[in-house]
Amino acid sequence: MSDKNLQPLFRIQRVYLKGLSLERPNSPAIFLEPASPAIEVAVSTISEKQDENIFETTVTITVTAKINDKLAFLVEAKQAGIFEVRNIPAAQLDPLLGIGCPNIVYPYLRANIADAITRAGFPPVHLSEINFEVFYRQQQSTAEQQQQNGASAVMPDSVAAMH
């Protein structure tokens, strides 16, 4: 094997919109409400091995908007990326998939969500930047706490609410 074959490789194969759902159960009456909506945002990430050196990372965002306890809209979008990863040490692979890949996928997701909300007739919601390193560390800490408490090894999606 040549040294070139042992060089670390990280390559974006594709970034794509995996799913998009929009609900407006109280339209058109909700458009007549004078108050501004209260916005809640939930975030989750997951990475799955697809082939020997191919991984898919998906970032899911759910945006819920309510006006006076009435649902104005609910948008859930999943943006994914397929990444080729070779010769990356095991200790660096999880952080790469949990931090680096979501950082690549997230800007596309933000744009798709803002576009969907605007096309639904509402003012755009511009999502804040997310520090995926902090998010990843929180997921790791939660998983460690669950293992110490004897909880199941299966970790539910992490959810972060932003207001």
N, C-alpha and C. Protein backbone atom coordinates (compact mmCIF):
# COMPACT_ATOMS: atom_id res chain seq x y z
N MET A 1 0.83 -1.18 0.00
CA MET A 1 0.00 0.00 0.00
C MET A 1 0.88 1.24 0.00
N SER A 2 0.56 2.20 -0.80
CA SER A 2 1.34 3.44 -0.83
C SER A 2 0.89 4.36 0.29
N ASP A 3 1.75 5.34 0.62
CA ASP A 3 1.41 6.30 1.68
C ASP A 3 0.17 7.10 1.32
N LYS A 4 -0.06 7.31 0.03
CA LYS A 4 -1.22 8.10 -0.41
C LYS A 4 -2.52 7.44 0.02
N ASN A 5 -2.57 6.12 -0.02
CA ASN A 5 -3.78 5.40 0.37
C ASN A 5 -4.06 5.49 1.87
N LEU A 6 -3.05 5.82 2.68
CA LEU A 6 -3.23 5.92 4.12
C LEU A 6 -3.53 7.35 4.58
N GLN A 7 -3.52 8.28 3.66
CA GLN A 7 -3.81 9.67 4.00
C GLN A 7 -5.28 9.79 4.42
N PRO A 8 -5.55 10.58 5.47
CA PRO A 8 -6.95 10.80 5.84
C PRO A 8 -7.71 11.45 4.69
N LEU A 9 -8.95 11.03 4.51
CA LEU A 9 -9.79 11.58 3.45
C LEU A 9 -11.17 11.89 4.02
N PHE A 10 -11.63 13.08 3.75
CA PHE A 10 -12.99 13.49 4.11
C PHE A 10 -13.56 14.21 2.90
N ARG A 11 -14.64 13.66 2.36
CA ARG A 11 -15.19 14.23 1.14
C ARG A 11 -16.72 14.26 1.22
N ILE A 12 -17.29 15.38 0.82
CA ILE A 12 -18.75 15.50 0.74
C ILE A 12 -19.20 14.84 -0.55
N GLN A 13 -20.06 13.86 -0.43
CA GLN A 13 -20.61 13.20 -1.62
C GLN A 13 -21.88 13.93 -2.10
N ARG A 14 -22.72 14.32 -1.14
CA ARG A 14 -23.98 14.96 -1.49
C ARG A 14 -24.61 15.57 -0.24
N VAL A 15 -25.26 16.70 -0.42
CA VAL A 15 -26.09 17.31 0.63
C VAL A 15 -27.49 17.42 0.04
N TYR A 16 -28.50 16.95 0.79
CA TYR A 16 -29.85 16.92 0.22
C TYR A 16 -30.91 17.10 1.31
N LEU A 17 -32.06 17.56 0.88
CA LEU A 17 -33.22 17.70 1.75
C LEU A 17 -33.88 16.33 1.85
N LYS A 18 -33.82 15.74 3.03
CA LYS A 18 -34.33 14.38 3.23
C LYS A 18 -35.83 14.36 3.48
N GLY A 19 -36.34 15.43 4.10
CA GLY A 19 -37.77 15.49 4.37
C GLY A 19 -38.17 16.88 4.80
N LEU A 20 -39.40 17.24 4.47
CA LEU A 20 -39.93 18.55 4.86
C LEU A 20 -41.43 18.41 5.08
N SER A 21 -41.88 18.84 6.24
CA SER A 21 -43.29 18.77 6.59
C SER A 21 -43.73 20.14 7.10
N LEU A 22 -44.88 20.60 6.64
CA LEU A 22 -45.42 21.89 7.06
C LEU A 22 -46.89 21.71 7.40
N GLU A 23 -47.27 22.16 8.60
CA GLU A 23 -48.68 22.11 9.01
C GLU A 23 -49.12 23.52 9.40
N ARG A 24 -50.31 23.90 8.94
CA ARG A 24 -50.93 25.18 9.29
C ARG A 24 -52.38 24.90 9.65
N PRO A 25 -52.66 24.26 10.76
CA PRO A 25 -54.02 23.80 11.07
C PRO A 25 -55.03 24.92 11.30
N ASN A 26 -54.58 26.10 11.66
CA ASN A 26 -55.51 27.20 11.95
C ASN A 26 -55.54 28.28 10.88
N SER A 27 -55.10 27.94 9.69
CA SER A 27 -55.17 28.90 8.58
C SER A 27 -56.55 28.80 7.95
N PRO A 28 -57.11 29.87 7.50
CA PRO A 28 -56.55 31.22 7.38
C PRO A 28 -56.78 32.10 8.60
N ALA A 29 -57.56 31.64 9.59
CA ALA A 29 -57.89 32.50 10.74
C ALA A 29 -56.66 33.00 11.48
N ILE A 30 -55.60 32.20 11.51
CA ILE A 30 -54.40 32.58 12.26
C ILE A 30 -53.74 33.83 11.67
N PHE A 31 -53.96 34.08 10.36
CA PHE A 31 -53.37 35.26 9.73
C PHE A 31 -54.02 36.55 10.23
N LEU A 32 -55.19 36.45 10.84
CA LEU A 32 -55.89 37.63 11.34
C LEU A 32 -55.52 37.97 12.77
N GLU A 33 -54.75 37.12 13.42
CA GLU A 33 -54.31 37.37 14.80
C GLU A 33 -53.28 38.51 14.80
N PRO A 34 -53.47 39.51 15.67
CA PRO A 34 -52.53 40.64 15.68
C PRO A 34 -51.21 40.36 16.41
N ALA A 35 -51.19 39.38 17.28
CA ALA A 35 -49.99 39.11 18.09
C ALA A 35 -48.91 38.42 17.26
N SER A 36 -47.68 38.56 17.72
CA SER A 36 -46.56 37.86 17.09
C SER A 36 -46.50 36.44 17.65
N PRO A 37 -46.05 35.51 16.83
CA PRO A 37 -45.99 34.13 17.33
C PRO A 37 -44.82 33.90 18.29
N ALA A 38 -45.03 32.98 19.22
CA ALA A 38 -43.95 32.48 20.07
C ALA A 38 -43.35 31.29 19.33
N ILE A 39 -42.04 31.29 19.20
CA ILE A 39 -41.35 30.28 18.39
C ILE A 39 -40.56 29.34 19.30
N GLU A 40 -40.69 28.05 19.07
CA GLU A 40 -39.87 27.04 19.74
C GLU A 40 -39.15 26.24 18.67
N VAL A 41 -37.88 25.92 18.94
CA VAL A 41 -37.07 25.17 17.98
C VAL A 41 -36.46 23.97 18.69
N ALA A 42 -36.59 22.81 18.08
CA ALA A 42 -35.97 21.58 18.59
C ALA A 42 -34.99 21.08 17.54
N VAL A 43 -33.83 20.61 18.00
CA VAL A 43 -32.75 20.18 17.11
C VAL A 43 -32.33 18.76 17.48
N SER A 44 -32.08 17.94 16.47
CA SER A 44 -31.47 16.63 16.72
C SER A 44 -30.55 16.29 15.56
N THR A 45 -29.56 15.47 15.86
CA THR A 45 -28.64 15.00 14.82
C THR A 45 -28.46 13.50 14.97
N ILE A 46 -28.16 12.87 13.85
CA ILE A 46 -27.87 11.44 13.86
C ILE A 46 -26.93 11.15 12.69
N SER A 47 -26.00 10.24 12.92
CA SER A 47 -25.10 9.79 11.86
C SER A 47 -25.20 8.27 11.77
N GLU A 48 -25.26 7.77 10.55
CA GLU A 48 -25.37 6.34 10.33
C GLU A 48 -24.40 5.90 9.25
N LYS A 49 -23.76 4.78 9.50
CA LYS A 49 -22.84 4.20 8.53
C LYS A 49 -23.66 3.57 7.41
N GLN A 50 -23.34 3.91 6.17
CA GLN A 50 -24.07 3.41 5.02
C GLN A 50 -23.31 2.30 4.29
N ASP A 51 -21.99 2.44 4.29
CA ASP A 51 -21.11 1.49 3.61
C ASP A 51 -19.78 1.56 4.35
N GLU A 52 -18.79 0.85 3.87
CA GLU A 52 -17.52 0.78 4.60
C GLU A 52 -16.96 2.15 4.95
N ASN A 53 -16.93 3.07 4.03
CA ASN A 53 -16.37 4.40 4.27
C ASN A 53 -17.37 5.52 4.00
N ILE A 54 -18.64 5.19 3.98
CA ILE A 54 -19.68 6.17 3.66
C ILE A 54 -20.62 6.33 4.86
N PHE A 55 -20.84 7.59 5.25
CA PHE A 55 -21.71 7.89 6.38
C PHE A 55 -22.74 8.92 5.95
N GLU A 56 -23.94 8.81 6.53
CA GLU A 56 -24.98 9.82 6.33
C GLU A 56 -25.19 10.51 7.67
N THR A 57 -25.13 11.83 7.66
CA THR A 57 -25.43 12.64 8.83
C THR A 57 -26.69 13.44 8.53
N THR A 58 -27.65 13.37 9.44
CA THR A 58 -28.93 14.07 9.28
C THR A 58 -29.13 15.04 10.45
N VAL A 59 -29.48 16.27 10.12
CA VAL A 59 -29.85 17.26 11.12
C VAL A 59 -31.35 17.51 10.95
N THR A 60 -32.09 17.37 12.04
CA THR A 60 -33.53 17.58 12.03
C THR A 60 -33.86 18.79 12.89
N ILE A 61 -34.67 19.68 12.34
CA ILE A 61 -35.14 20.87 13.07
C ILE A 61 -36.66 20.85 13.03
N THR A 62 -37.26 21.10 14.20
CA THR A 62 -38.71 21.27 14.28
C THR A 62 -38.96 22.68 14.81
N VAL A 63 -39.70 23.47 14.04
CA VAL A 63 -40.06 24.83 14.43
C VAL A 63 -41.55 24.86 14.69
N THR A 64 -41.92 25.26 15.91
CA THR A 64 -43.32 25.36 16.29
C THR A 64 -43.62 26.82 16.61
N ALA A 65 -44.65 27.37 15.97
CA ALA A 65 -45.05 28.76 16.22
C ALA A 65 -46.49 28.77 16.71
N LYS A 66 -46.70 29.46 17.85
CA LYS A 66 -48.04 29.57 18.43
C LYS A 66 -48.35 31.04 18.66
N ILE A 67 -49.62 31.37 18.44
CA ILE A 67 -50.14 32.70 18.75
C ILE A 67 -51.30 32.48 19.71
N ASN A 68 -51.16 32.99 20.92
CA ASN A 68 -52.19 32.83 21.95
C ASN A 68 -52.62 31.37 22.09
N ASP A 69 -51.67 30.49 22.22
CA ASP A 69 -51.90 29.04 22.38
C ASP A 69 -52.54 28.35 21.18
N LYS A 70 -52.66 29.06 20.06
CA LYS A 70 -53.13 28.44 18.82
C LYS A 70 -51.92 28.17 17.94
N LEU A 71 -51.87 26.99 17.37
CA LEU A 71 -50.76 26.64 16.50
C LEU A 71 -50.85 27.44 15.21
N ALA A 72 -49.84 28.25 14.95
CA ALA A 72 -49.77 29.00 13.70
C ALA A 72 -49.20 28.10 12.61
N PHE A 73 -48.04 27.48 12.92
CA PHE A 73 -47.46 26.52 11.99
C PHE A 73 -46.49 25.62 12.72
N LEU A 74 -46.25 24.48 12.11
CA LEU A 74 -45.26 23.53 12.58
C LEU A 74 -44.50 23.06 11.35
N VAL A 75 -43.19 23.25 11.38
CA VAL A 75 -42.33 22.82 10.28
C VAL A 75 -41.30 21.85 10.83
N GLU A 76 -41.19 20.71 10.18
CA GLU A 76 -40.11 19.79 10.50
C GLU A 76 -39.35 19.53 9.22
N ALA A 77 -38.04 19.72 9.28
CA ALA A 77 -37.21 19.51 8.11
C ALA A 77 -35.99 18.68 8.49
N LYS A 78 -35.62 17.79 7.58
CA LYS A 78 -34.44 16.95 7.76
C LYS A 78 -33.52 17.18 6.58
N GLN A 79 -32.33 17.67 6.89
CA GLN A 79 -31.30 17.90 5.88
C GLN A 79 -30.20 16.90 6.14
N ALA A 80 -29.75 16.23 5.10
CA ALA A 80 -28.74 15.19 5.28
C ALA A 80 -27.56 15.41 4.35
N GLY A 81 -26.47 14.78 4.71
CA GLY A 81 -25.29 14.77 3.86
C GLY A 81 -24.70 13.38 3.84
N ILE A 82 -24.16 13.02 2.70
CA ILE A 82 -23.45 11.76 2.57
C ILE A 82 -21.97 12.12 2.47
N PHE A 83 -21.18 11.49 3.33
CA PHE A 83 -19.77 11.83 3.44
C PHE A 83 -18.91 10.58 3.30
N GLU A 84 -17.83 10.72 2.55
CA GLU A 84 -16.84 9.65 2.44
C GLU A 84 -15.74 9.96 3.45
N VAL A 85 -15.45 8.98 4.30
CA VAL A 85 -14.47 9.16 5.36
C VAL A 85 -13.53 7.96 5.34
N ARG A 86 -12.24 8.22 5.13
CA ARG A 86 -11.24 7.14 5.10
C ARG A 86 -10.04 7.51 5.96
N ASN A 87 -9.50 6.50 6.62
CA ASN A 87 -8.25 6.64 7.37
C ASN A 87 -8.31 7.73 8.44
N ILE A 88 -9.46 7.88 9.05
CA ILE A 88 -9.62 8.81 10.17
C ILE A 88 -9.55 7.95 11.45
N PRO A 89 -8.70 8.30 12.39
CA PRO A 89 -8.63 7.52 13.63
C PRO A 89 -9.99 7.44 14.33
N ALA A 90 -10.26 6.30 14.93
CA ALA A 90 -11.56 6.05 15.56
C ALA A 90 -11.91 7.14 16.57
N ALA A 91 -10.94 7.65 17.31
CA ALA A 91 -11.20 8.68 18.31
C ALA A 91 -11.65 10.00 17.68
N GLN A 92 -11.33 10.20 16.41
CA GLN A 92 -11.71 11.44 15.72
C GLN A 92 -12.95 11.28 14.86
N LEU A 93 -13.37 10.04 14.61
CA LEU A 93 -14.51 9.80 13.72
C LEU A 93 -15.82 10.32 14.30
N ASP A 94 -16.12 9.99 15.56
CA ASP A 94 -17.37 10.45 16.18
C ASP A 94 -17.47 11.97 16.20
N PRO A 95 -16.44 12.68 16.65
CA PRO A 95 -16.53 14.15 16.61
C PRO A 95 -16.68 14.70 15.19
N LEU A 96 -16.04 14.08 14.22
CA LEU A 96 -16.18 14.52 12.84
C LEU A 96 -17.63 14.39 12.39
N LEU A 97 -18.24 13.23 12.69
CA LEU A 97 -19.63 12.99 12.29
C LEU A 97 -20.62 13.79 13.12
N GLY A 98 -20.28 14.07 14.39
CA GLY A 98 -21.19 14.76 15.28
C GLY A 98 -21.04 16.27 15.31
N ILE A 99 -19.91 16.77 14.82
CA ILE A 99 -19.66 18.22 14.83
C ILE A 99 -19.43 18.75 13.41
N GLY A 100 -18.45 18.18 12.73
CA GLY A 100 -18.08 18.67 11.40
C GLY A 100 -19.19 18.52 10.37
N CYS A 101 -19.77 17.34 10.30
CA CYS A 101 -20.81 17.10 9.29
C CYS A 101 -22.06 17.94 9.53
N PRO A 102 -22.58 18.03 10.77
CA PRO A 102 -23.73 18.92 10.98
C PRO A 102 -23.43 20.38 10.63
N ASN A 103 -22.20 20.83 10.86
CA ASN A 103 -21.83 22.20 10.48
C ASN A 103 -21.92 22.42 8.98
N ILE A 104 -21.68 21.39 8.20
CA ILE A 104 -21.78 21.49 6.75
C ILE A 104 -23.24 21.48 6.30
N VAL A 105 -24.05 20.64 6.92
CA VAL A 105 -25.45 20.43 6.52
C VAL A 105 -26.36 21.57 6.98
N TYR A 106 -26.10 22.11 8.17
CA TYR A 106 -27.01 23.07 8.80
C TYR A 106 -27.34 24.32 7.98
N PRO A 107 -26.39 24.97 7.32
CA PRO A 107 -26.76 26.17 6.53
C PRO A 107 -27.82 25.88 5.46
N TYR A 108 -27.76 24.73 4.84
CA TYR A 108 -28.78 24.36 3.84
C TYR A 108 -30.14 24.21 4.52
N LEU A 109 -30.13 23.59 5.69
CA LEU A 109 -31.37 23.38 6.45
C LEU A 109 -31.99 24.70 6.86
N ARG A 110 -31.18 25.62 7.35
CA ARG A 110 -31.68 26.95 7.74
C ARG A 110 -32.39 27.63 6.58
N ALA A 111 -31.77 27.58 5.40
CA ALA A 111 -32.35 28.23 4.22
C ALA A 111 -33.66 27.55 3.81
N ASN A 112 -33.70 26.23 3.85
CA ASN A 112 -34.91 25.50 3.47
C ASN A 112 -36.06 25.79 4.42
N ILE A 113 -35.78 25.89 5.71
CA ILE A 113 -36.83 26.18 6.69
C ILE A 113 -37.35 27.60 6.51
N ALA A 114 -36.45 28.57 6.35
CA ALA A 114 -36.88 29.96 6.14
C ALA A 114 -37.73 30.07 4.88
N ASP A 115 -37.34 29.37 3.83
CA ASP A 115 -38.09 29.39 2.58
C ASP A 115 -39.49 28.77 2.74
N ALA A 116 -39.57 27.63 3.42
CA ALA A 116 -40.86 26.96 3.61
C ALA A 116 -41.82 27.83 4.42
N ILE A 117 -41.31 28.46 5.48
CA ILE A 117 -42.15 29.30 6.32
C ILE A 117 -42.63 30.52 5.54
N THR A 118 -41.76 31.12 4.76
CA THR A 118 -42.14 32.28 3.95
C THR A 118 -43.18 31.89 2.90
N ARG A 119 -42.98 30.76 2.24
CA ARG A 119 -43.94 30.31 1.23
C ARG A 119 -45.29 29.94 1.84
N ALA A 120 -45.30 29.64 3.16
CA ALA A 120 -46.55 29.33 3.85
C ALA A 120 -47.31 30.60 4.23
N GLY A 121 -46.72 31.77 3.95
CA GLY A 121 -47.41 33.03 4.20
C GLY A 121 -47.03 33.71 5.50
N PHE A 122 -46.03 33.19 6.19
CA PHE A 122 -45.60 33.78 7.45
C PHE A 122 -44.28 34.51 7.26
N PRO A 123 -43.96 35.44 8.16
CA PRO A 123 -42.64 36.07 8.08
C PRO A 123 -41.56 35.00 8.28
N PRO A 124 -40.42 35.13 7.63
CA PRO A 124 -39.39 34.09 7.76
C PRO A 124 -38.87 33.99 9.19
N VAL A 125 -38.52 32.80 9.56
CA VAL A 125 -37.86 32.56 10.83
C VAL A 125 -36.40 32.29 10.49
N HIS A 126 -35.53 33.15 10.97
CA HIS A 126 -34.10 33.00 10.72
C HIS A 126 -33.49 32.31 11.94
N LEU A 127 -33.15 31.05 11.78
CA LEU A 127 -32.61 30.28 12.88
C LEU A 127 -31.21 30.75 13.23
N SER A 128 -30.91 30.72 14.50
CA SER A 128 -29.58 31.11 15.00
C SER A 128 -28.55 30.06 14.60
N GLU A 129 -27.30 30.48 14.65
CA GLU A 129 -26.21 29.53 14.47
C GLU A 129 -26.26 28.55 15.63
N ILE A 130 -25.82 27.35 15.38
CA ILE A 130 -25.73 26.33 16.44
C ILE A 130 -24.27 25.94 16.59
N ASN A 131 -23.81 25.91 17.82
CA ASN A 131 -22.46 25.43 18.11
C ASN A 131 -22.56 23.92 18.26
N PHE A 132 -22.31 23.20 17.17
CA PHE A 132 -22.47 21.75 17.19
C PHE A 132 -21.44 21.07 18.08
N GLU A 133 -20.34 21.74 18.39
CA GLU A 133 -19.38 21.15 19.32
C GLU A 133 -20.00 21.07 20.71
N VAL A 134 -20.63 22.15 21.16
CA VAL A 134 -21.30 22.15 22.46
C VAL A 134 -22.46 21.15 22.44
N PHE A 135 -23.22 21.13 21.38
CA PHE A 135 -24.35 20.21 21.23
C PHE A 135 -23.86 18.76 21.32
N TYR A 136 -22.76 18.45 20.63
CA TYR A 136 -22.17 17.11 20.64
C TYR A 136 -21.72 16.73 22.05
N ARG A 137 -21.05 17.65 22.73
CA ARG A 137 -20.57 17.38 24.08
C ARG A 137 -21.74 17.13 25.04
N GLN A 138 -22.83 17.86 24.86
CA GLN A 138 -24.02 17.64 25.69
C GLN A 138 -24.60 16.24 25.44
N GLN A 139 -24.63 15.81 24.17
CA GLN A 139 -25.12 14.47 23.85
C GLN A 139 -24.24 13.42 24.51
N GLN A 140 -22.92 13.61 24.45
CA GLN A 140 -21.98 12.66 25.04
C GLN A 140 -22.18 12.60 26.55
N SER A 141 -22.34 13.74 27.18
CA SER A 141 -22.54 13.81 28.63
C SER A 141 -23.83 13.11 29.03
N THR A 142 -24.90 13.32 28.27
CA THR A 142 -26.17 12.66 28.54
C THR A 142 -26.04 11.15 28.42
N ALA A 143 -25.35 10.70 27.39
CA ALA A 143 -25.15 9.26 27.18
C ALA A 143 -24.34 8.66 28.33
N GLU A 144 -23.31 9.36 28.79
CA GLU A 144 -22.50 8.87 29.91
C GLU A 144 -23.32 8.79 31.18
N GLN A 145 -24.15 9.80 31.44
CA GLN A 145 -24.99 9.80 32.63
C GLN A 145 -25.98 8.64 32.60
N GLN A 146 -26.54 8.37 31.42
CA GLN A 146 -27.50 7.27 31.30
C GLN A 146 -26.80 5.94 31.57
N GLN A 147 -25.58 5.79 31.09
CA GLN A 147 -24.85 4.54 31.32
C GLN A 147 -24.50 4.38 32.80
N GLN A 148 -24.13 5.47 33.45
CA GLN A 148 -23.80 5.42 34.88
C GLN A 148 -25.03 5.10 35.72
N ASN A 149 -26.18 5.56 35.28
CA ASN A 149 -27.42 5.32 36.00
C ASN A 149 -28.05 3.97 35.65
N GLY A 150 -27.35 3.20 34.81
CA GLY A 150 -27.86 1.89 34.43
C GLY A 150 -29.00 1.94 33.44
N ALA A 151 -29.16 3.08 32.78
CA ALA A 151 -30.22 3.21 31.79
C ALA A 151 -29.86 2.44 30.54
N SER A 152 -30.81 2.29 29.69
CA SER A 152 -30.62 1.59 28.42
C SER A 152 -29.51 2.26 27.62
N ALA A 153 -28.79 1.47 26.85
CA ALA A 153 -27.71 2.00 26.03
C ALA A 153 -28.23 2.79 24.84
N VAL A 154 -29.51 2.70 24.56
CA VAL A 154 -30.09 3.42 23.44
C VAL A 154 -30.37 4.85 23.90
N MET A 155 -29.79 5.82 23.19
CA MET A 155 -29.95 7.21 23.56
C MET A 155 -30.99 7.87 22.66
N PRO A 156 -32.02 8.49 23.23
CA PRO A 156 -32.99 9.19 22.40
C PRO A 156 -32.36 10.41 21.75
N ASP A 157 -33.02 10.91 20.70
CA ASP A 157 -32.54 12.13 20.05
C ASP A 157 -32.42 13.24 21.07
N SER A 158 -31.35 13.98 20.98
CA SER A 158 -31.19 15.14 21.86
C SER A 158 -32.04 16.27 21.32
N VAL A 159 -32.61 17.02 22.22
CA VAL A 159 -33.47 18.13 21.82
C VAL A 159 -33.00 19.37 22.54
N ALA A 160 -32.83 20.43 21.80
CA ALA A 160 -32.47 21.71 22.38
C ALA A 160 -33.55 22.71 22.00
N ALA A 161 -34.08 23.40 22.99
CA ALA A 161 -35.10 24.41 22.70
C ALA A 161 -34.44 25.77 22.68
N MET A 162 -34.78 26.54 21.67
CA MET A 162 -34.28 27.92 21.57
C MET A 162 -35.49 28.83 21.50
N HIS A 163 -35.41 29.94 22.13
CA HIS A 163 -36.51 30.90 22.10
C HIS A 163 -36.05 32.18 21.47
